[in-house]
N, C-alpha and C. Protein backbone atom coordinates (compact mmCIF):
# COMPACT_ATOMS: atom_id res chain seq x y z
N MET A 1 59.40 136.50 56.76
CA MET A 1 60.14 137.12 57.83
C MET A 1 59.28 138.14 58.58
N ILE A 2 58.53 138.94 57.85
CA ILE A 2 57.66 139.93 58.48
C ILE A 2 56.58 139.22 59.31
N GLY A 3 56.00 138.17 58.74
CA GLY A 3 54.98 137.41 59.46
C GLY A 3 55.53 136.80 60.75
N PHE A 4 56.76 136.30 60.68
CA PHE A 4 57.38 135.73 61.89
C PHE A 4 57.57 136.80 62.95
N CYS A 5 58.01 137.97 62.55
CA CYS A 5 58.23 139.05 63.52
C CYS A 5 56.92 139.49 64.16
N ILE A 6 55.86 139.58 63.35
CA ILE A 6 54.56 139.97 63.89
C ILE A 6 54.06 138.91 64.85
N LEU A 7 54.18 137.63 64.47
CA LEU A 7 53.74 136.55 65.34
C LEU A 7 54.55 136.51 66.63
N PHE A 8 55.86 136.70 66.54
CA PHE A 8 56.72 136.69 67.71
C PHE A 8 56.34 137.82 68.67
N ALA A 9 56.09 139.00 68.13
CA ALA A 9 55.68 140.14 68.97
C ALA A 9 54.32 139.88 69.61
N PHE A 10 53.41 139.29 68.86
CA PHE A 10 52.07 138.99 69.37
C PHE A 10 52.15 137.97 70.52
N ILE A 11 52.86 136.89 70.32
CA ILE A 11 52.97 135.86 71.34
C ILE A 11 53.69 136.40 72.57
N GLY A 12 54.75 137.17 72.36
CA GLY A 12 55.47 137.76 73.49
C GLY A 12 54.59 138.71 74.29
N THR A 13 53.81 139.51 73.60
CA THR A 13 52.94 140.47 74.27
C THR A 13 51.88 139.76 75.10
N PHE A 14 51.22 138.77 74.51
CA PHE A 14 50.15 138.10 75.23
C PHE A 14 50.68 137.16 76.32
N THR A 15 51.91 136.71 76.22
CA THR A 15 52.53 135.98 77.33
C THR A 15 52.77 136.93 78.50
N TYR A 16 53.27 138.11 78.20
CA TYR A 16 53.50 139.14 79.23
C TYR A 16 52.19 139.55 79.90
N ILE A 17 51.15 139.68 79.11
CA ILE A 17 49.85 140.13 79.61
C ILE A 17 49.31 139.19 80.69
N ASN A 18 49.55 137.89 80.53
CA ASN A 18 49.08 136.94 81.56
C ASN A 18 49.65 137.29 82.93
N PHE A 19 50.93 137.61 82.98
CA PHE A 19 51.56 137.94 84.25
C PHE A 19 51.02 139.25 84.83
N VAL A 20 50.74 140.19 83.98
CA VAL A 20 50.21 141.48 84.45
C VAL A 20 48.79 141.33 84.98
N LEU A 21 48.00 140.49 84.33
CA LEU A 21 46.60 140.32 84.75
C LEU A 21 46.46 139.70 86.14
N VAL A 22 47.37 138.84 86.53
CA VAL A 22 47.20 138.13 87.80
C VAL A 22 47.89 138.81 88.98
N ARG A 23 48.66 139.85 88.74
CA ARG A 23 49.31 140.54 89.86
C ARG A 23 48.58 141.87 90.13
N PRO A 24 48.74 142.40 91.35
CA PRO A 24 48.12 143.69 91.65
C PRO A 24 48.69 144.79 90.75
N PRO A 25 47.98 145.79 90.36
CA PRO A 25 46.67 146.23 90.81
C PRO A 25 45.50 145.59 90.08
N VAL A 26 45.72 144.89 88.98
CA VAL A 26 44.60 144.27 88.26
C VAL A 26 44.14 143.04 89.02
N ALA A 27 45.00 142.09 89.27
CA ALA A 27 44.79 140.91 90.11
C ALA A 27 43.46 140.20 89.89
N VAL A 28 43.26 139.70 88.70
CA VAL A 28 42.05 138.92 88.43
C VAL A 28 42.37 137.44 88.63
N GLY A 29 41.34 136.63 88.82
CA GLY A 29 41.51 135.19 89.00
C GLY A 29 41.78 134.50 87.67
N MET A 30 42.18 133.26 87.77
CA MET A 30 42.53 132.50 86.56
C MET A 30 41.32 132.30 85.65
N MET A 31 40.15 132.10 86.22
CA MET A 31 38.94 131.94 85.41
C MET A 31 38.64 133.22 84.65
N THR A 32 38.85 134.36 85.29
CA THR A 32 38.61 135.65 84.64
C THR A 32 39.61 135.88 83.52
N VAL A 33 40.85 135.42 83.70
CA VAL A 33 41.85 135.55 82.62
C VAL A 33 41.35 134.81 81.38
N GLY A 34 40.79 133.64 81.56
CA GLY A 34 40.25 132.89 80.43
C GLY A 34 39.14 133.63 79.72
N VAL A 35 38.26 134.26 80.49
CA VAL A 35 37.14 135.02 79.90
C VAL A 35 37.67 136.27 79.19
N ILE A 36 38.70 136.89 79.76
CA ILE A 36 39.26 138.09 79.15
C ILE A 36 39.79 137.80 77.74
N TYR A 37 40.24 136.57 77.52
CA TYR A 37 40.77 136.24 76.21
C TYR A 37 39.70 136.17 75.13
N LEU A 38 38.47 136.50 75.46
CA LEU A 38 37.45 136.70 74.43
C LEU A 38 37.74 137.97 73.62
N VAL A 39 38.78 138.69 74.00
CA VAL A 39 39.17 139.87 73.23
C VAL A 39 39.60 139.47 71.82
N PHE A 40 39.81 138.18 71.57
CA PHE A 40 40.16 137.74 70.24
C PHE A 40 38.96 137.74 69.29
N ALA A 41 37.75 137.81 69.82
CA ALA A 41 36.55 137.82 68.98
C ALA A 41 36.57 138.98 67.97
N PRO A 42 36.87 140.22 68.37
CA PRO A 42 36.94 141.28 67.35
C PRO A 42 38.04 141.01 66.31
N SER A 43 39.11 140.37 66.72
CA SER A 43 40.18 140.06 65.78
C SER A 43 39.70 139.08 64.71
N ILE A 44 38.93 138.11 65.14
CA ILE A 44 38.41 137.11 64.20
C ILE A 44 37.45 137.76 63.21
N VAL A 45 36.68 138.73 63.68
CA VAL A 45 35.72 139.42 62.81
C VAL A 45 36.44 140.35 61.83
N THR A 46 37.47 141.04 62.28
CA THR A 46 38.12 142.03 61.42
C THR A 46 39.15 141.43 60.47
N THR A 47 39.63 140.23 60.73
CA THR A 47 40.63 139.63 59.84
C THR A 47 40.13 139.48 58.41
N PRO A 48 38.91 138.97 58.17
CA PRO A 48 38.44 138.90 56.78
C PRO A 48 38.29 140.28 56.13
N LEU A 49 38.05 141.29 56.94
CA LEU A 49 37.92 142.64 56.39
C LEU A 49 39.28 143.21 55.96
N ALA A 50 40.35 142.60 56.42
CA ALA A 50 41.69 143.06 56.04
C ALA A 50 41.90 142.94 54.54
N GLY A 51 41.32 141.93 53.93
CA GLY A 51 41.43 141.79 52.48
C GLY A 51 40.83 142.98 51.74
N ASN A 52 39.70 143.46 52.22
CA ASN A 52 39.09 144.66 51.62
C ASN A 52 39.98 145.87 51.81
N ALA A 53 40.61 145.98 52.98
CA ALA A 53 41.51 147.11 53.25
C ALA A 53 42.71 147.06 52.32
N VAL A 54 43.26 145.88 52.09
CA VAL A 54 44.40 145.75 51.17
C VAL A 54 43.98 146.12 49.76
N GLY A 55 42.77 145.71 49.37
CA GLY A 55 42.27 146.07 48.04
C GLY A 55 42.08 147.57 47.87
N ARG A 56 41.71 148.24 48.93
CA ARG A 56 41.45 149.68 48.86
C ARG A 56 42.73 150.50 49.01
N TRP A 57 43.60 150.14 49.98
CA TRP A 57 44.77 150.97 50.29
C TRP A 57 46.11 150.32 49.96
N GLU A 58 46.07 149.09 49.44
CA GLU A 58 47.27 148.30 49.11
C GLU A 58 47.92 147.73 50.37
N THR A 59 48.88 146.86 50.14
CA THR A 59 49.44 146.05 51.22
C THR A 59 50.23 146.85 52.24
N ARG A 60 51.19 147.61 51.80
CA ARG A 60 52.09 148.29 52.73
C ARG A 60 51.38 149.29 53.65
N PRO A 61 50.54 150.19 53.12
CA PRO A 61 49.84 151.11 54.03
C PRO A 61 48.90 150.39 55.00
N THR A 62 48.26 149.31 54.53
CA THR A 62 47.38 148.55 55.42
C THR A 62 48.17 147.91 56.55
N MET A 63 49.32 147.33 56.21
CA MET A 63 50.14 146.69 57.23
C MET A 63 50.65 147.70 58.25
N TRP A 64 51.14 148.83 57.78
CA TRP A 64 51.66 149.84 58.71
C TRP A 64 50.54 150.43 59.56
N GLY A 65 49.37 150.61 58.97
CA GLY A 65 48.23 151.09 59.75
C GLY A 65 47.82 150.10 60.82
N ALA A 66 47.81 148.82 60.47
CA ALA A 66 47.45 147.78 61.43
C ALA A 66 48.49 147.69 62.55
N LEU A 67 49.75 147.76 62.20
CA LEU A 67 50.80 147.74 63.22
C LEU A 67 50.75 148.99 64.09
N GLY A 68 50.38 150.12 63.50
CA GLY A 68 50.19 151.34 64.28
C GLY A 68 49.04 151.19 65.27
N LEU A 69 47.97 150.54 64.83
CA LEU A 69 46.84 150.28 65.72
C LEU A 69 47.27 149.39 66.89
N ALA A 70 48.04 148.36 66.59
CA ALA A 70 48.55 147.49 67.65
C ALA A 70 49.49 148.28 68.58
N GLY A 71 50.28 149.16 68.00
CA GLY A 71 51.18 149.99 68.81
C GLY A 71 50.43 150.92 69.74
N LEU A 72 49.26 151.39 69.31
CA LEU A 72 48.44 152.23 70.19
C LEU A 72 47.92 151.45 71.40
N GLY A 73 47.75 150.15 71.22
CA GLY A 73 47.26 149.33 72.32
C GLY A 73 48.32 149.00 73.35
N LEU A 74 49.59 149.04 72.97
CA LEU A 74 50.65 148.65 73.91
C LEU A 74 50.70 149.48 75.18
N PRO A 75 50.64 150.81 75.12
CA PRO A 75 50.66 151.56 76.38
C PRO A 75 49.41 151.33 77.24
N LEU A 76 48.32 150.95 76.59
CA LEU A 76 47.08 150.74 77.35
C LEU A 76 47.15 149.50 78.24
N VAL A 77 47.98 148.52 77.87
CA VAL A 77 48.08 147.32 78.71
C VAL A 77 48.96 147.56 79.94
N LEU A 78 49.49 148.74 80.07
CA LEU A 78 50.24 149.10 81.27
C LEU A 78 49.36 149.82 82.28
N ALA A 79 48.12 150.11 81.89
CA ALA A 79 47.20 150.84 82.77
C ALA A 79 46.73 149.94 83.91
N PRO A 80 46.48 150.53 85.07
CA PRO A 80 46.02 149.73 86.22
C PRO A 80 44.52 149.42 86.20
N HIS A 81 43.79 149.93 85.22
CA HIS A 81 42.35 149.73 85.15
C HIS A 81 42.03 148.63 84.13
N LEU A 82 41.20 147.69 84.51
CA LEU A 82 40.91 146.53 83.68
C LEU A 82 40.27 146.91 82.35
N GLU A 83 39.38 147.90 82.35
CA GLU A 83 38.71 148.29 81.10
C GLU A 83 39.71 148.83 80.09
N THR A 84 40.62 149.67 80.55
CA THR A 84 41.66 150.22 79.67
C THR A 84 42.58 149.11 79.19
N PHE A 85 42.90 148.21 80.07
CA PHE A 85 43.75 147.07 79.76
C PHE A 85 43.13 146.22 78.66
N ILE A 86 41.84 145.93 78.78
CA ILE A 86 41.15 145.11 77.79
C ILE A 86 41.07 145.84 76.45
N THR A 87 40.86 147.15 76.48
CA THR A 87 40.85 147.93 75.24
C THR A 87 42.19 147.81 74.53
N GLY A 88 43.28 147.90 75.28
CA GLY A 88 44.61 147.72 74.70
C GLY A 88 44.79 146.34 74.09
N MET A 89 44.27 145.31 74.78
CA MET A 89 44.37 143.95 74.25
C MET A 89 43.61 143.80 72.94
N VAL A 90 42.44 144.43 72.87
CA VAL A 90 41.65 144.37 71.63
C VAL A 90 42.41 145.05 70.49
N LEU A 91 42.97 146.23 70.75
CA LEU A 91 43.72 146.94 69.71
C LEU A 91 44.93 146.13 69.25
N ILE A 92 45.64 145.51 70.18
CA ILE A 92 46.80 144.70 69.81
C ILE A 92 46.35 143.50 68.99
N GLY A 93 45.30 142.84 69.42
CA GLY A 93 44.81 141.67 68.70
C GLY A 93 44.34 142.01 67.30
N VAL A 94 43.53 143.04 67.17
CA VAL A 94 43.03 143.43 65.85
C VAL A 94 44.17 143.87 64.96
N GLY A 95 45.06 144.70 65.48
CA GLY A 95 46.17 145.20 64.68
C GLY A 95 47.08 144.10 64.18
N THR A 96 47.44 143.15 65.05
CA THR A 96 48.35 142.09 64.61
C THR A 96 47.66 141.09 63.70
N PHE A 97 46.38 140.80 63.94
CA PHE A 97 45.68 139.87 63.05
C PHE A 97 45.55 140.47 61.65
N VAL A 98 45.25 141.75 61.56
CA VAL A 98 45.13 142.41 60.25
C VAL A 98 46.48 142.48 59.55
N ALA A 99 47.53 142.80 60.31
CA ALA A 99 48.87 142.87 59.72
C ALA A 99 49.30 141.50 59.20
């Protein structure tokens, strides 16, 4: 159930992000949207490290910390600047993948 909720929030967030990226003030092209999705690369790298975090801090604190990290990224995707927006996407991706 927890995994479903995390996945649902992740998919909903990244579906919303597509609409924000193509409208003003960000207004990037479709090809650029595809390149921006390389923000998943840090998520792929940090996911295996999540096992070490669970071993060190246990499951519940690791999950809440990861969800907190994703939560920190949510307000950043509302920013009108592309760099801040991408930083928010990275935080959301890493946080949800670790959770």
